[in-house]
Amino acid sequence: MTQTAHTLSKDASTAIVEALNQSIAETVVTTMLAQNFHWNVTGMAFAPLHDLFQTIYEDHFAAQDDLAERIKALDGHAEGSLASMLQKSSVVEHPGRASAKEMLEAMLKAQETLASTLAACGETAAEHGDTLTEDLCIARGQQHEKFAWFLRAHLR
């Protein structure tokens, strides 16, 4: 049976909110990763990579808000501390300097991780009949897979 935010059980809402907070944590870390790479990319591919990393972090910044607003619609708490996001995230910050290739590889891994995390979040929502959260997760997951494709194309 299809559920909405106000008809979900407390257990269902809690499970979905937890999965959404995981998605936010990884989105936030990836946003900063993309911004770091945008600021620091050099080399022959500077212009296209500088633009690509900006496109990614701008997309991800807006996505953070979409995910947090869904949590609030579910009457949950959207975690907002950077420390908790770094602790929770499967995406890790890149230490120090990186070559353009290393940036692309790190960003590709982050995008693949985000797509997987959002697919799992969508599955959790679907299990509880929350098609609205499932739809959000599907759309976000598709965006991360598109970015992964762009990044892979640069690496080939």
N, C-alpha and C. Protein backbone atom coordinates (compact mmCIF):
# COMPACT_ATOMS: atom_id res chain seq x y z
N MET A 1 0.83 -1.18 0.00
CA MET A 1 0.00 0.00 0.00
C MET A 1 0.88 1.25 0.00
N THR A 2 0.56 2.19 -0.84
CA THR A 2 1.31 3.43 -0.91
C THR A 2 1.06 4.26 0.33
N GLN A 3 2.16 4.78 0.87
CA GLN A 3 2.10 5.59 2.09
C GLN A 3 2.56 7.01 1.78
N THR A 4 2.16 7.93 2.60
CA THR A 4 2.68 9.30 2.55
C THR A 4 3.32 9.60 3.90
N ALA A 5 3.96 10.73 4.00
CA ALA A 5 4.68 11.07 5.22
C ALA A 5 3.81 10.92 6.47
N HIS A 6 2.56 11.31 6.39
CA HIS A 6 1.72 11.28 7.60
C HIS A 6 1.06 9.93 7.85
N THR A 7 1.17 8.98 6.91
CA THR A 7 0.56 7.66 7.14
C THR A 7 1.59 6.57 7.43
N LEU A 8 2.87 6.87 7.32
CA LEU A 8 3.91 5.88 7.61
C LEU A 8 3.94 5.59 9.11
N SER A 9 4.27 4.36 9.45
CA SER A 9 4.46 4.02 10.87
C SER A 9 5.73 4.70 11.37
N LYS A 10 5.85 4.81 12.68
CA LYS A 10 7.04 5.43 13.28
C LYS A 10 8.29 4.63 12.90
N ASP A 11 8.20 3.30 12.93
CA ASP A 11 9.35 2.47 12.57
C ASP A 11 9.76 2.68 11.11
N ALA A 12 8.77 2.79 10.22
CA ALA A 12 9.06 3.03 8.81
C ALA A 12 9.73 4.38 8.63
N SER A 13 9.17 5.41 9.24
CA SER A 13 9.75 6.76 9.14
C SER A 13 11.18 6.78 9.65
N THR A 14 11.42 6.12 10.77
CA THR A 14 12.76 6.09 11.36
C THR A 14 13.76 5.43 10.41
N ALA A 15 13.38 4.31 9.81
CA ALA A 15 14.28 3.61 8.88
C ALA A 15 14.57 4.47 7.65
N ILE A 16 13.55 5.12 7.14
CA ILE A 16 13.72 5.96 5.94
C ILE A 16 14.56 7.18 6.27
N VAL A 17 14.30 7.81 7.40
CA VAL A 17 15.08 9.00 7.81
C VAL A 17 16.54 8.62 7.99
N GLU A 18 16.81 7.48 8.58
CA GLU A 18 18.20 7.03 8.76
C GLU A 18 18.89 6.88 7.40
N ALA A 19 18.20 6.27 6.46
CA ALA A 19 18.76 6.09 5.12
C ALA A 19 18.96 7.44 4.41
N LEU A 20 18.02 8.35 4.59
CA LEU A 20 18.16 9.68 3.99
C LEU A 20 19.33 10.44 4.63
N ASN A 21 19.51 10.32 5.93
CA ASN A 21 20.64 10.99 6.58
C ASN A 21 21.97 10.44 6.09
N GLN A 22 22.03 9.13 5.80
CA GLN A 22 23.23 8.55 5.20
C GLN A 22 23.47 9.18 3.83
N SER A 23 22.42 9.34 3.07
CA SER A 23 22.52 9.96 1.74
C SER A 23 22.98 11.41 1.83
N ILE A 24 22.48 12.13 2.80
CA ILE A 24 22.91 13.52 2.98
C ILE A 24 24.38 13.57 3.35
N ALA A 25 24.79 12.73 4.29
CA ALA A 25 26.19 12.73 4.73
C ALA A 25 27.13 12.53 3.54
N GLU A 26 26.83 11.57 2.71
CA GLU A 26 27.69 11.30 1.57
C GLU A 26 27.59 12.40 0.52
N THR A 27 26.43 13.01 0.39
CA THR A 27 26.27 14.12 -0.55
C THR A 27 27.09 15.32 -0.09
N VAL A 28 27.06 15.61 1.19
CA VAL A 28 27.82 16.75 1.73
C VAL A 28 29.32 16.53 1.54
N VAL A 29 29.80 15.36 1.88
CA VAL A 29 31.24 15.08 1.73
C VAL A 29 31.63 15.16 0.25
N THR A 30 30.80 14.64 -0.62
CA THR A 30 31.10 14.69 -2.06
C THR A 30 31.02 16.11 -2.59
N THR A 31 30.11 16.92 -2.06
CA THR A 31 30.03 18.33 -2.45
C THR A 31 31.36 19.02 -2.18
N MET A 32 31.88 18.82 -0.97
CA MET A 32 33.14 19.46 -0.60
C MET A 32 34.30 18.90 -1.39
N LEU A 33 34.26 17.60 -1.67
CA LEU A 33 35.29 16.98 -2.49
C LEU A 33 35.31 17.63 -3.87
N ALA A 34 34.15 17.81 -4.47
CA ALA A 34 34.06 18.44 -5.79
C ALA A 34 34.53 19.89 -5.75
N GLN A 35 34.18 20.59 -4.68
CA GLN A 35 34.60 21.99 -4.58
C GLN A 35 36.12 22.07 -4.41
N ASN A 36 36.67 21.18 -3.60
CA ASN A 36 38.13 21.13 -3.42
C ASN A 36 38.81 20.89 -4.77
N PHE A 37 38.30 19.93 -5.53
CA PHE A 37 38.90 19.62 -6.82
C PHE A 37 38.70 20.78 -7.80
N HIS A 38 37.58 21.43 -7.76
CA HIS A 38 37.31 22.60 -8.60
C HIS A 38 38.35 23.69 -8.33
N TRP A 39 38.65 23.91 -7.08
CA TRP A 39 39.62 24.94 -6.71
C TRP A 39 41.04 24.57 -7.12
N ASN A 40 41.37 23.29 -7.11
CA ASN A 40 42.77 22.87 -7.20
C ASN A 40 43.16 22.12 -8.46
N VAL A 41 42.24 21.87 -9.38
CA VAL A 41 42.60 21.14 -10.58
C VAL A 41 43.57 21.97 -11.43
N THR A 42 44.53 21.29 -12.03
CA THR A 42 45.50 21.93 -12.94
C THR A 42 45.75 20.99 -14.11
N GLY A 43 46.46 21.47 -15.08
CA GLY A 43 46.86 20.63 -16.20
C GLY A 43 46.12 20.95 -17.48
N MET A 44 46.36 20.12 -18.48
CA MET A 44 45.83 20.35 -19.82
C MET A 44 44.30 20.31 -19.86
N ALA A 45 43.68 19.59 -18.95
CA ALA A 45 42.21 19.49 -18.92
C ALA A 45 41.60 20.43 -17.89
N PHE A 46 42.35 21.46 -17.51
CA PHE A 46 41.86 22.37 -16.46
C PHE A 46 40.44 22.88 -16.72
N ALA A 47 40.20 23.48 -17.85
CA ALA A 47 38.90 24.14 -18.09
C ALA A 47 37.72 23.17 -18.02
N PRO A 48 37.75 22.03 -18.75
CA PRO A 48 36.58 21.15 -18.65
C PRO A 48 36.41 20.52 -17.27
N LEU A 49 37.52 20.20 -16.60
CA LEU A 49 37.39 19.60 -15.27
C LEU A 49 36.95 20.63 -14.24
N HIS A 50 37.48 21.83 -14.34
CA HIS A 50 37.06 22.93 -13.45
C HIS A 50 35.54 23.12 -13.57
N ASP A 51 35.04 23.13 -14.79
CA ASP A 51 33.60 23.30 -15.03
C ASP A 51 32.80 22.08 -14.54
N LEU A 52 33.31 20.88 -14.80
CA LEU A 52 32.61 19.67 -14.38
C LEU A 52 32.51 19.61 -12.86
N PHE A 53 33.60 19.87 -12.18
CA PHE A 53 33.56 19.83 -10.71
C PHE A 53 32.59 20.88 -10.16
N GLN A 54 32.52 22.05 -10.81
CA GLN A 54 31.56 23.07 -10.38
C GLN A 54 30.12 22.60 -10.61
N THR A 55 29.87 22.00 -11.74
CA THR A 55 28.53 21.47 -12.03
C THR A 55 28.14 20.44 -10.97
N ILE A 56 29.08 19.59 -10.60
CA ILE A 56 28.81 18.57 -9.59
C ILE A 56 28.51 19.20 -8.24
N TYR A 57 29.37 20.12 -7.77
CA TYR A 57 29.11 20.65 -6.42
C TYR A 57 27.86 21.51 -6.37
N GLU A 58 27.53 22.20 -7.44
CA GLU A 58 26.28 22.98 -7.44
C GLU A 58 25.06 22.05 -7.41
N ASP A 59 25.10 20.98 -8.18
CA ASP A 59 24.03 19.99 -8.16
C ASP A 59 23.89 19.38 -6.76
N HIS A 60 25.00 18.99 -6.17
CA HIS A 60 24.98 18.32 -4.87
C HIS A 60 24.52 19.25 -3.75
N PHE A 61 24.87 20.53 -3.86
CA PHE A 61 24.44 21.48 -2.83
C PHE A 61 22.92 21.56 -2.82
N ALA A 62 22.31 21.64 -3.99
CA ALA A 62 20.84 21.68 -4.06
C ALA A 62 20.24 20.36 -3.58
N ALA A 63 20.90 19.25 -3.89
CA ALA A 63 20.39 17.93 -3.49
C ALA A 63 20.37 17.77 -1.98
N GLN A 64 21.36 18.34 -1.30
CA GLN A 64 21.37 18.27 0.16
C GLN A 64 20.06 18.80 0.74
N ASP A 65 19.62 19.92 0.20
CA ASP A 65 18.40 20.55 0.68
C ASP A 65 17.17 19.69 0.37
N ASP A 66 17.12 19.12 -0.84
CA ASP A 66 16.00 18.25 -1.21
C ASP A 66 15.89 17.05 -0.26
N LEU A 67 17.04 16.44 0.05
CA LEU A 67 17.05 15.28 0.94
C LEU A 67 16.64 15.68 2.36
N ALA A 68 17.18 16.81 2.83
CA ALA A 68 16.84 17.28 4.18
C ALA A 68 15.37 17.66 4.29
N GLU A 69 14.83 18.27 3.26
CA GLU A 69 13.41 18.64 3.29
C GLU A 69 12.52 17.41 3.31
N ARG A 70 12.95 16.32 2.65
CA ARG A 70 12.16 15.10 2.71
C ARG A 70 12.19 14.53 4.13
N ILE A 71 13.34 14.60 4.78
CA ILE A 71 13.45 14.16 6.16
C ILE A 71 12.48 14.95 7.04
N LYS A 72 12.44 16.25 6.84
CA LYS A 72 11.55 17.09 7.65
C LYS A 72 10.08 16.77 7.35
N ALA A 73 9.77 16.45 6.09
CA ALA A 73 8.39 16.07 5.75
C ALA A 73 8.01 14.78 6.48
N LEU A 74 9.00 13.93 6.73
CA LEU A 74 8.77 12.69 7.46
C LEU A 74 8.84 12.90 8.97
N ASP A 75 8.94 14.15 9.40
CA ASP A 75 9.01 14.54 10.80
C ASP A 75 10.27 14.01 11.48
N GLY A 76 11.35 13.91 10.70
CA GLY A 76 12.62 13.44 11.24
C GLY A 76 13.57 14.59 11.48
N HIS A 77 14.74 14.25 11.99
CA HIS A 77 15.80 15.23 12.24
C HIS A 77 16.86 15.10 11.16
N ALA A 78 17.08 16.17 10.42
CA ALA A 78 18.13 16.19 9.40
C ALA A 78 19.45 16.55 10.08
N GLU A 79 20.36 15.59 10.11
CA GLU A 79 21.65 15.82 10.75
C GLU A 79 22.39 16.91 10.00
N GLY A 80 22.97 17.84 10.74
CA GLY A 80 23.60 18.98 10.09
C GLY A 80 25.03 19.26 10.50
N SER A 81 25.61 18.45 11.37
CA SER A 81 26.98 18.74 11.78
C SER A 81 27.97 18.07 10.83
N LEU A 82 29.00 18.81 10.49
CA LEU A 82 30.01 18.27 9.58
C LEU A 82 30.71 17.06 10.18
N ALA A 83 30.95 17.11 11.48
CA ALA A 83 31.63 15.98 12.14
C ALA A 83 30.82 14.70 12.00
N SER A 84 29.50 14.78 12.20
CA SER A 84 28.68 13.57 12.09
C SER A 84 28.61 13.09 10.65
N MET A 85 28.63 14.03 9.71
CA MET A 85 28.58 13.64 8.30
C MET A 85 29.87 12.94 7.88
N LEU A 86 31.00 13.46 8.32
CA LEU A 86 32.27 12.81 8.01
C LEU A 86 32.35 11.42 8.64
N GLN A 87 31.82 11.31 9.84
CA GLN A 87 31.84 10.02 10.53
C GLN A 87 30.92 9.01 9.84
N LYS A 88 29.76 9.45 9.41
CA LYS A 88 28.74 8.57 8.83
C LYS A 88 29.05 8.21 7.37
N SER A 89 29.68 9.11 6.64
CA SER A 89 29.85 8.96 5.19
C SER A 89 30.79 7.82 4.81
N SER A 90 30.39 7.09 3.77
CA SER A 90 31.27 6.10 3.15
C SER A 90 32.22 6.78 2.17
N VAL A 91 31.88 7.98 1.75
CA VAL A 91 32.75 8.79 0.90
C VAL A 91 33.73 9.50 1.84
N VAL A 92 35.00 9.48 1.48
CA VAL A 92 36.02 10.10 2.34
C VAL A 92 36.62 11.32 1.65
N GLU A 93 37.10 12.21 2.48
CA GLU A 93 37.80 13.38 1.95
C GLU A 93 39.10 12.93 1.29
N HIS A 94 39.56 13.71 0.32
CA HIS A 94 40.84 13.40 -0.31
C HIS A 94 41.93 14.17 0.43
N PRO A 95 42.94 13.46 0.93
CA PRO A 95 43.99 14.15 1.68
C PRO A 95 44.99 14.85 0.75
N GLY A 96 45.23 16.10 1.00
CA GLY A 96 46.29 16.82 0.30
C GLY A 96 46.07 17.04 -1.18
N ARG A 97 47.18 17.19 -1.87
CA ARG A 97 47.15 17.47 -3.30
C ARG A 97 46.83 16.22 -4.10
N ALA A 98 46.29 16.45 -5.30
CA ALA A 98 45.96 15.32 -6.18
C ALA A 98 46.16 15.75 -7.63
N SER A 99 46.53 14.80 -8.45
CA SER A 99 46.60 15.05 -9.89
C SER A 99 45.17 15.06 -10.43
N ALA A 100 45.01 15.55 -11.64
CA ALA A 100 43.68 15.55 -12.26
C ALA A 100 43.13 14.13 -12.35
N LYS A 101 43.98 13.17 -12.69
CA LYS A 101 43.53 11.77 -12.77
C LYS A 101 43.09 11.26 -11.41
N GLU A 102 43.84 11.57 -10.37
CA GLU A 102 43.45 11.14 -9.02
C GLU A 102 42.13 11.79 -8.60
N MET A 103 41.94 13.04 -8.99
CA MET A 103 40.67 13.73 -8.70
C MET A 103 39.51 13.02 -9.39
N LEU A 104 39.70 12.71 -10.66
CA LEU A 104 38.65 12.01 -11.41
C LEU A 104 38.33 10.65 -10.80
N GLU A 105 39.36 9.92 -10.42
CA GLU A 105 39.15 8.60 -9.82
C GLU A 105 38.42 8.71 -8.48
N ALA A 106 38.81 9.67 -7.66
CA ALA A 106 38.16 9.86 -6.36
C ALA A 106 36.71 10.30 -6.53
N MET A 107 36.47 11.19 -7.48
CA MET A 107 35.11 11.67 -7.71
C MET A 107 34.24 10.57 -8.31
N LEU A 108 34.81 9.76 -9.18
CA LEU A 108 34.08 8.62 -9.74
C LEU A 108 33.66 7.66 -8.62
N LYS A 109 34.57 7.33 -7.74
CA LYS A 109 34.25 6.44 -6.63
C LYS A 109 33.14 7.05 -5.76
N ALA A 110 33.21 8.35 -5.51
CA ALA A 110 32.20 9.03 -4.71
C ALA A 110 30.83 8.96 -5.39
N GLN A 111 30.80 9.19 -6.69
CA GLN A 111 29.52 9.16 -7.42
C GLN A 111 28.93 7.75 -7.41
N GLU A 112 29.76 6.75 -7.60
CA GLU A 112 29.29 5.37 -7.57
C GLU A 112 28.76 5.01 -6.18
N THR A 113 29.45 5.48 -5.15
CA THR A 113 29.00 5.24 -3.77
C THR A 113 27.65 5.90 -3.53
N LEU A 114 27.52 7.15 -3.96
CA LEU A 114 26.25 7.86 -3.78
C LEU A 114 25.11 7.18 -4.53
N ALA A 115 25.36 6.74 -5.75
CA ALA A 115 24.31 6.05 -6.51
C ALA A 115 23.86 4.80 -5.77
N SER A 116 24.80 4.06 -5.21
CA SER A 116 24.49 2.84 -4.47
C SER A 116 23.72 3.16 -3.18
N THR A 117 24.17 4.17 -2.46
CA THR A 117 23.51 4.56 -1.21
C THR A 117 22.08 5.01 -1.48
N LEU A 118 21.89 5.78 -2.52
CA LEU A 118 20.54 6.25 -2.85
C LEU A 118 19.66 5.11 -3.36
N ALA A 119 20.23 4.15 -4.07
CA ALA A 119 19.45 2.98 -4.48
C ALA A 119 18.97 2.21 -3.25
N ALA A 120 19.86 2.04 -2.27
CA ALA A 120 19.48 1.35 -1.04
C ALA A 120 18.43 2.14 -0.26
N CYS A 121 18.57 3.46 -0.22
CA CYS A 121 17.58 4.31 0.44
C CYS A 121 16.23 4.16 -0.26
N GLY A 122 16.24 4.17 -1.57
CA GLY A 122 15.02 3.99 -2.34
C GLY A 122 14.36 2.64 -2.06
N GLU A 123 15.19 1.59 -1.91
CA GLU A 123 14.66 0.27 -1.58
C GLU A 123 14.01 0.26 -0.20
N THR A 124 14.64 0.94 0.74
CA THR A 124 14.06 1.04 2.09
C THR A 124 12.71 1.74 2.02
N ALA A 125 12.67 2.83 1.28
CA ALA A 125 11.40 3.57 1.13
C ALA A 125 10.35 2.69 0.46
N ALA A 126 10.74 1.95 -0.58
CA ALA A 126 9.80 1.09 -1.30
C ALA A 126 9.25 -0.02 -0.40
N GLU A 127 10.11 -0.58 0.43
CA GLU A 127 9.68 -1.63 1.35
C GLU A 127 8.56 -1.15 2.28
N HIS A 128 8.56 0.15 2.55
CA HIS A 128 7.56 0.73 3.46
C HIS A 128 6.44 1.44 2.71
N GLY A 129 6.45 1.34 1.37
CA GLY A 129 5.39 1.95 0.57
C GLY A 129 5.52 3.44 0.39
N ASP A 130 6.69 4.01 0.68
CA ASP A 130 6.92 5.46 0.56
C ASP A 130 7.43 5.77 -0.85
N THR A 131 6.51 5.85 -1.78
CA THR A 131 6.90 6.07 -3.19
C THR A 131 7.46 7.46 -3.42
N LEU A 132 7.11 8.42 -2.60
CA LEU A 132 7.63 9.78 -2.79
C LEU A 132 9.12 9.84 -2.47
N THR A 133 9.54 9.21 -1.38
CA THR A 133 10.97 9.15 -1.07
C THR A 133 11.69 8.27 -2.08
N GLU A 134 11.06 7.16 -2.45
CA GLU A 134 11.66 6.28 -3.46
C GLU A 134 11.93 7.04 -4.75
N ASP A 135 10.97 7.84 -5.19
CA ASP A 135 11.12 8.63 -6.41
C ASP A 135 12.28 9.62 -6.30
N LEU A 136 12.39 10.29 -5.15
CA LEU A 136 13.50 11.23 -4.92
C LEU A 136 14.83 10.49 -5.03
N CYS A 137 14.90 9.33 -4.41
CA CYS A 137 16.14 8.55 -4.43
C CYS A 137 16.48 8.07 -5.83
N ILE A 138 15.48 7.65 -6.57
CA ILE A 138 15.72 7.21 -7.96
C ILE A 138 16.28 8.37 -8.78
N ALA A 139 15.66 9.53 -8.68
CA ALA A 139 16.12 10.70 -9.45
C ALA A 139 17.55 11.08 -9.08
N ARG A 140 17.84 11.09 -7.78
CA ARG A 140 19.19 11.45 -7.34
C ARG A 140 20.19 10.37 -7.79
N GLY A 141 19.82 9.11 -7.65
CA GLY A 141 20.72 8.04 -8.06
C GLY A 141 21.04 8.11 -9.54
N GLN A 142 20.04 8.43 -10.35
CA GLN A 142 20.27 8.58 -11.79
C GLN A 142 21.25 9.72 -12.07
N GLN A 143 21.14 10.81 -11.32
CA GLN A 143 22.05 11.94 -11.51
C GLN A 143 23.49 11.53 -11.17
N HIS A 144 23.65 10.77 -10.10
CA HIS A 144 25.01 10.34 -9.72
C HIS A 144 25.58 9.35 -10.74
N GLU A 145 24.73 8.50 -11.30
CA GLU A 145 25.22 7.60 -12.34
C GLU A 145 25.60 8.38 -13.60
N LYS A 146 24.88 9.45 -13.89
CA LYS A 146 25.24 10.30 -15.03
C LYS A 146 26.60 10.96 -14.80
N PHE A 147 26.80 11.50 -13.60
CA PHE A 147 28.11 12.08 -13.29
C PHE A 147 29.21 11.03 -13.36
N ALA A 148 28.93 9.82 -12.90
CA ALA A 148 29.92 8.73 -12.96
C ALA A 148 30.30 8.45 -14.42
N TRP A 149 29.31 8.45 -15.29
CA TRP A 149 29.57 8.25 -16.72
C TRP A 149 30.48 9.35 -17.25
N PHE A 150 30.19 10.62 -16.92
CA PHE A 150 31.03 11.73 -17.37
C PHE A 150 32.47 11.53 -16.91
N LEU A 151 32.63 11.15 -15.64
CA LEU A 151 33.96 10.98 -15.06
C LEU A 151 34.70 9.82 -15.72
N ARG A 152 33.99 8.71 -15.94
CA ARG A 152 34.61 7.57 -16.62
C ARG A 152 35.08 7.97 -18.02
N ALA A 153 34.27 8.77 -18.71
CA ALA A 153 34.63 9.20 -20.07
C ALA A 153 35.94 10.01 -20.06
N HIS A 154 36.14 10.81 -19.02
CA HIS A 154 37.39 11.57 -18.89
C HIS A 154 38.58 10.65 -18.64
N LEU A 155 38.34 9.57 -17.94
CA LEU A 155 39.43 8.65 -17.58
C LEU A 155 39.83 7.72 -18.73
N ARG A 156 39.00 7.61 -19.75
CA ARG A 156 39.32 6.70 -20.86
C ARG A 156 40.21 7.34 -21.88
